[in-house]
Protein backbone atom coordinates (compact mmCIF):
# COMPACT_ATOMS: atom_id res chain seq x y z
CA MET A 1 0.00 0.00 0.00
CA SER A 2 1.40 3.39 -0.98
CA ARG A 3 0.93 6.55 0.97
CA PHE A 4 -1.67 8.88 -0.53
CA PHE A 5 -1.00 12.36 -1.59
CA MET A 6 -5.62 2.26 -0.51
CA THR A 7 -8.42 -1.35 0.83
CA SER A 8 -11.47 -2.77 -0.51
CA PHE A 9 -12.64 -1.20 -3.76
CA ALA A 10 -15.93 -3.06 -3.61
CA MET A 11 -16.66 -1.51 -0.22
CA LEU A 12 -15.66 1.98 -1.32
CA PHE A 13 -17.58 1.89 -4.60
CA ALA A 14 -20.68 0.65 -2.77
CA ALA A 15 -20.34 3.44 -0.26
CA ALA A 16 -19.76 6.01 -2.98
CA LEU A 17 -23.02 5.02 -4.63
CA ALA A 18 -24.96 5.45 -1.39
CA THR A 19 -27.00 8.56 -0.72
CA THR A 20 -24.77 11.45 0.37
CA PRO A 21 -25.61 14.81 1.98
CA LEU A 22 -26.70 17.50 -0.43
CA ALA A 23 -24.73 20.69 -0.82
CA ASP A 24 -25.88 23.81 0.95
CA SER A 25 -28.69 25.49 -0.98
CA GLN A 26 -26.47 28.55 -1.44
CA THR A 27 -23.65 26.50 -3.01
CA ALA A 28 -23.65 26.15 -6.80
CA ILE A 29 -23.10 22.58 -7.99
CA ALA A 30 -20.25 22.05 -10.44
CA HIS A 31 -20.15 18.74 -12.31
CA VAL A 32 -16.58 17.38 -12.50
CA ARG A 33 -15.83 14.28 -14.58
CA LEU A 34 -12.89 12.22 -13.29
CA ALA A 35 -11.04 9.27 -14.83
CA SER A 36 -8.56 6.82 -13.33
CA SER A 37 -7.34 3.28 -13.77
CA ALA A 38 -8.11 0.81 -10.95
CA ASN A 39 -5.39 1.69 -8.47
CA ASP A 40 -5.22 1.91 -4.70
CA ASP A 41 -4.19 5.54 -4.69
CA VAL A 42 -7.62 6.60 -5.97
CA THR A 43 -9.00 5.58 -2.54
CA PRO A 44 -8.99 9.12 -1.06
CA VAL A 45 -11.28 10.31 -3.84
CA LEU A 46 -13.60 7.35 -3.34
CA TYR A 47 -13.62 7.92 0.41
CA ALA A 48 -14.37 11.63 0.04
CA GLN A 49 -17.16 10.79 -2.38
CA ALA A 50 -18.63 8.22 -0.01
CA GLN A 51 -18.54 10.73 2.86
CA GLY A 52 -20.28 13.38 0.80
CA TRP A 53 -17.40 15.84 1.07
CA PHE A 54 -17.50 16.78 -2.61
CA LEU A 55 -21.22 17.51 -2.64
CA GLN A 56 -20.91 19.51 0.55
CA ALA A 57 -18.34 21.67 -1.25
CA GLY A 58 -20.56 22.06 -4.31
CA LEU A 59 -18.88 19.45 -6.52
CA ASP A 60 -20.82 16.70 -8.27
CA VAL A 61 -17.98 14.24 -8.94
CA GLU A 62 -18.37 11.46 -11.52
CA LEU A 63 -15.59 8.85 -11.61
CA THR A 64 -14.95 6.63 -14.65
CA ALA A 65 -12.53 3.69 -14.74
CA VAL A 66 -10.18 3.34 -17.72
CA SER A 67 -7.38 0.90 -18.52
CA ASN A 68 -4.18 2.87 -17.76
CA GLY A 69 -2.60 6.30 -17.35
CA SER A 70 -2.08 6.79 -21.08
CA ALA A 71 -5.80 6.25 -21.66
CA VAL A 72 -6.56 8.75 -18.90
CA ALA A 73 -4.28 11.34 -20.51
CA THR A 74 -6.03 10.82 -23.85
CA ALA A 75 -9.45 11.27 -22.23
CA VAL A 76 -8.42 14.51 -20.52
CA ALA A 77 -6.77 15.88 -23.66
CA SER A 78 -9.89 15.14 -25.73
CA GLY A 79 -12.19 16.80 -23.21
CA SER A 80 -14.25 13.66 -22.55
CA VAL A 81 -13.28 14.01 -18.87
CA ASP A 82 -12.21 17.06 -16.89
CA VAL A 83 -9.68 15.67 -14.40
CA GLY A 84 -7.60 12.49 -14.53
CA ARG A 85 -5.23 10.46 -12.40
CA SER A 86 -2.14 9.05 -14.08
CA SER A 87 1.35 7.87 -13.33
CA LEU A 88 3.90 10.59 -13.95
CA LEU A 89 5.61 9.20 -17.06
CA PRO A 90 2.63 9.55 -19.45
CA LEU A 91 2.17 13.10 -18.16
CA ILE A 92 5.85 13.93 -18.67
CA ALA A 93 5.68 12.49 -22.19
CA ALA A 94 2.53 14.48 -22.93
CA HIS A 95 4.15 17.69 -21.65
CA ALA A 96 7.20 17.03 -23.85
CA ARG A 97 4.85 16.78 -26.85
CA GLY A 98 3.33 20.15 -26.00
CA LEU A 99 0.04 19.03 -24.45
CA PRO A 100 -1.06 21.69 -21.93
CA PHE A 101 -1.55 19.54 -18.82
CA THR A 102 -1.45 21.00 -15.31
CA LEU A 103 -0.92 18.97 -12.13
CA ILE A 104 -3.50 19.81 -9.46
CA GLY A 105 -2.63 17.37 -6.69
CA PRO A 106 -0.43 14.39 -5.79
CA SER A 107 -1.98 10.93 -5.76
CA GLY A 108 0.41 8.11 -4.80
CA VAL A 109 3.86 8.39 -3.26
CA TYR A 110 6.15 5.36 -3.14
CA TYR A 111 8.40 4.83 -0.13
CA SER A 112 10.98 2.06 0.11
CA GLY A 113 9.45 -0.99 1.76
CA LEU A 114 5.88 -0.38 0.60
CA ASP A 115 4.66 -2.91 -1.96
CA THR A 116 2.33 -0.86 -4.15
CA GLY A 117 2.96 -3.26 -7.00
CA GLY A 118 5.08 -6.24 -7.85
CA ILE A 119 6.35 -8.71 -10.43
CA VAL A 120 4.20 -11.82 -9.98
CA VAL A 121 4.84 -15.38 -11.15
CA LEU A 122 3.08 -18.71 -10.65
CA LYS A 123 3.65 -20.14 -7.19
CA ASP A 124 5.47 -23.20 -8.55
CA SER A 125 7.37 -21.27 -11.25
CA ALA A 126 11.11 -21.92 -11.62
CA ILE A 127 11.71 -18.15 -11.94
CA ALA A 128 13.88 -17.11 -9.00
CA GLY A 129 15.52 -13.86 -10.14
CA ALA A 130 15.88 -11.23 -12.83
CA ARG A 131 18.23 -13.34 -14.94
CA ASP A 132 15.55 -16.02 -15.26
CA LEU A 133 13.33 -13.56 -17.13
CA ASN A 134 15.80 -13.19 -20.04
CA GLY A 135 14.10 -14.16 -23.28
CA LYS A 136 10.70 -14.47 -21.58
CA THR A 137 7.42 -12.59 -22.02
CA VAL A 138 6.37 -10.26 -19.20
CA SER A 139 3.19 -8.22 -18.95
CA VAL A 140 3.04 -4.67 -17.54
CA PRO A 141 0.08 -2.31 -16.93
CA SER A 142 1.40 0.03 -19.62
CA LEU A 143 4.60 -0.12 -21.64
CA ASN A 144 5.58 3.45 -20.88
CA ASP A 145 4.33 4.13 -17.36
CA VAL A 146 6.25 4.04 -14.07
CA GLN A 147 5.70 0.32 -13.48
CA GLY A 148 6.75 -0.60 -17.01
CA ILE A 149 9.97 1.43 -16.83
CA ALA A 150 10.61 0.21 -13.27
CA THR A 151 10.32 -3.42 -14.37
CA ARG A 152 12.97 -2.91 -17.03
CA SER A 153 15.21 -1.12 -14.54
CA TRP A 154 14.83 -3.86 -11.90
CA ILE A 155 15.72 -6.60 -14.39
CA ASP A 156 18.85 -4.76 -15.57
CA LYS A 157 20.01 -3.88 -12.05
CA ASN A 158 19.59 -7.44 -10.79
CA GLY A 159 21.54 -9.46 -13.34
CA GLY A 160 19.06 -9.69 -16.18
CA ASP A 161 18.86 -8.13 -19.65
CA SER A 162 15.59 -6.30 -20.23
CA SER A 163 16.38 -5.89 -23.94
CA SER A 164 15.90 -9.64 -24.32
CA VAL A 165 12.48 -9.57 -22.63
CA LYS A 166 9.26 -9.23 -24.61
CA PHE A 167 6.94 -6.81 -22.80
CA VAL A 168 3.18 -6.76 -23.43
CA GLU A 169 0.38 -4.65 -21.94
CA ALA A 170 -2.27 -6.45 -19.90
CA THR A 171 -4.66 -5.77 -17.04
CA GLY A 172 -4.50 -7.73 -13.79
CA GLN A 173 -7.16 -10.29 -14.72
CA GLU A 174 -5.75 -10.70 -18.23
CA SER A 175 -2.31 -11.27 -16.71
CA ALA A 176 -3.63 -13.97 -14.38
CA VAL A 177 -5.16 -15.87 -17.29
CA ALA A 178 -1.98 -15.44 -19.33
CA LEU A 179 0.14 -16.78 -16.44
CA ASP A 180 -2.17 -19.75 -16.01
CA THR A 181 -1.99 -20.65 -19.70
CA GLY A 182 1.75 -20.08 -20.05
CA ARG A 183 1.43 -17.18 -22.50
CA ILE A 184 3.55 -15.01 -20.18
CA THR A 185 6.16 -15.91 -17.57
CA ALA A 186 5.66 -12.97 -15.21
CA ALA A 187 3.32 -10.04 -14.74
CA THR A 188 3.89 -6.64 -13.16
CA LEU A 189 0.72 -5.76 -11.28
CA ILE A 190 -0.45 -2.94 -9.03
CA ASN A 191 -2.82 -2.89 -6.08
CA PRO A 192 -5.63 -3.70 -5.59
CA LEU A 193 -5.36 -6.27 -8.40
CA MET A 194 -2.00 -7.57 -7.18
CA SER A 195 -3.30 -8.25 -3.68
CA GLN A 196 -6.43 -9.91 -5.02
CA ILE A 197 -4.43 -12.24 -7.26
CA LEU A 198 -1.87 -13.11 -4.58
CA ALA A 199 -4.69 -13.89 -2.14
CA SER A 200 -5.74 -16.79 -4.37
CA GLY A 201 -2.59 -18.69 -3.34
CA LYS A 202 -1.77 -19.56 -6.96
CA TYR A 203 0.92 -16.92 -7.40
CA ARG A 204 3.88 -15.38 -5.58
CA MET A 205 5.62 -12.02 -5.74
CA LEU A 206 9.08 -12.11 -7.28
CA ALA A 207 10.07 -8.50 -6.53
CA ASN A 208 8.86 -4.94 -6.21
CA PRO A 209 10.20 -3.28 -9.39
CA LEU A 210 10.06 0.22 -7.94
CA THR A 211 13.13 -0.60 -5.85
CA GLY A 212 15.04 -0.21 -9.12
CA LEU A 213 14.10 3.48 -9.35
CA GLY A 214 14.87 4.72 -5.85
CA SER A 215 13.70 4.85 -2.26
CA ARG A 216 11.05 7.53 -2.71
CA LEU A 217 9.17 8.91 -5.68
CA LEU A 218 5.88 10.46 -6.69
CA GLU A 219 4.17 7.70 -8.66
CA SER A 220 1.04 9.45 -9.80
CA ALA A 221 -0.92 12.69 -9.73
CA TRP A 222 -4.29 14.25 -10.55
CA PHE A 223 -4.19 16.64 -13.49
CA THR A 224 -6.28 18.62 -15.92
CA THR A 225 -5.73 20.87 -18.92
CA SER A 226 -4.49 24.41 -18.47
CA ASP A 227 -7.66 25.66 -20.17
CA TYR A 228 -9.97 23.78 -17.79
CA ALA A 229 -7.99 24.96 -14.76
CA ALA A 230 -8.15 28.59 -15.95
CA LYS A 231 -11.92 28.43 -16.53
CA ASN A 232 -12.74 26.51 -13.33
CA PRO A 233 -10.37 27.77 -10.61
CA ALA A 234 -12.90 27.40 -7.78
CA ALA A 235 -13.71 23.78 -8.67
CA ILE A 236 -10.04 22.86 -8.97
CA ARG A 237 -9.21 24.52 -5.65
CA LYS A 238 -12.06 22.69 -3.88
CA PHE A 239 -11.08 19.36 -5.44
CA SER A 240 -7.43 19.80 -4.41
CA ASP A 241 -8.38 20.80 -0.85
CA ILE A 242 -10.69 17.80 -0.42
CA LEU A 243 -8.07 15.49 -1.95
CA ALA A 244 -5.50 16.65 0.61
CA ARG A 245 -8.00 16.25 3.46
CA ALA A 246 -9.04 12.77 2.35
CA SER A 247 -5.45 11.66 1.74
CA GLU A 248 -4.47 12.70 5.25
CA PHE A 249 -7.41 10.80 6.73
CA CYS A 250 -6.82 7.64 4.66
CA ASN A 251 -3.12 7.56 5.57
CA ALA A 252 -4.00 7.84 9.25
CA HIS A 253 -6.88 5.32 9.12
CA PRO A 254 -5.97 2.53 6.66
CA GLY A 255 -8.14 -0.01 8.43
CA GLN A 256 -11.22 2.20 8.33
CA THR A 257 -10.78 3.26 4.71
């Protein structure tokens, strides 16, 4: 679990769909469309939504699940959603290409020792280290996000050769099926999907690839376009304030959230 700046998604989504307090009659309601992949560090937003904090502040928040950070960036850039959560690499790449994205709040921060994701293999697999992945096929959430780059880095820093590895994109459930059928040898997964798959007892964690990048890093952030931020400063400020409040609470009460 990473620190927010994570946890039963079923519980949180059910709570988020429950009736929440209405905003004060004097508060105008702003509809804000959010998008994120299924990741533990979206928990503060789900918790705030379940508690009615957004509505109380005059924000009608709608959250849509998409496959990965790159898909989120595309949705925000096209205007189909207003605010997205993505790992930093797709956002850096988008900025380098001239897309006018603006970060509005941190999402997940990795600290050494926290397993926010991991390289998973079958429980009885002969894979014991990075070198054993040479020439094999490994799935990652996205080829060019933090986890994908981290997996390559971990392999190279631990005796393997990532240039010999075939990397493919796959979701958690797709990766589990691919592992079972032998179409891939290992899968890099993130929570909550990683924890769900490991809980089945059929798989084991080989390593946390983020250890190859450093002891602390900002994994992901919430962002929007510069145009949306300029036209909706009050909504962005309220969203950022509630995100910080919810992140602080979730970090302090992991069992409750």
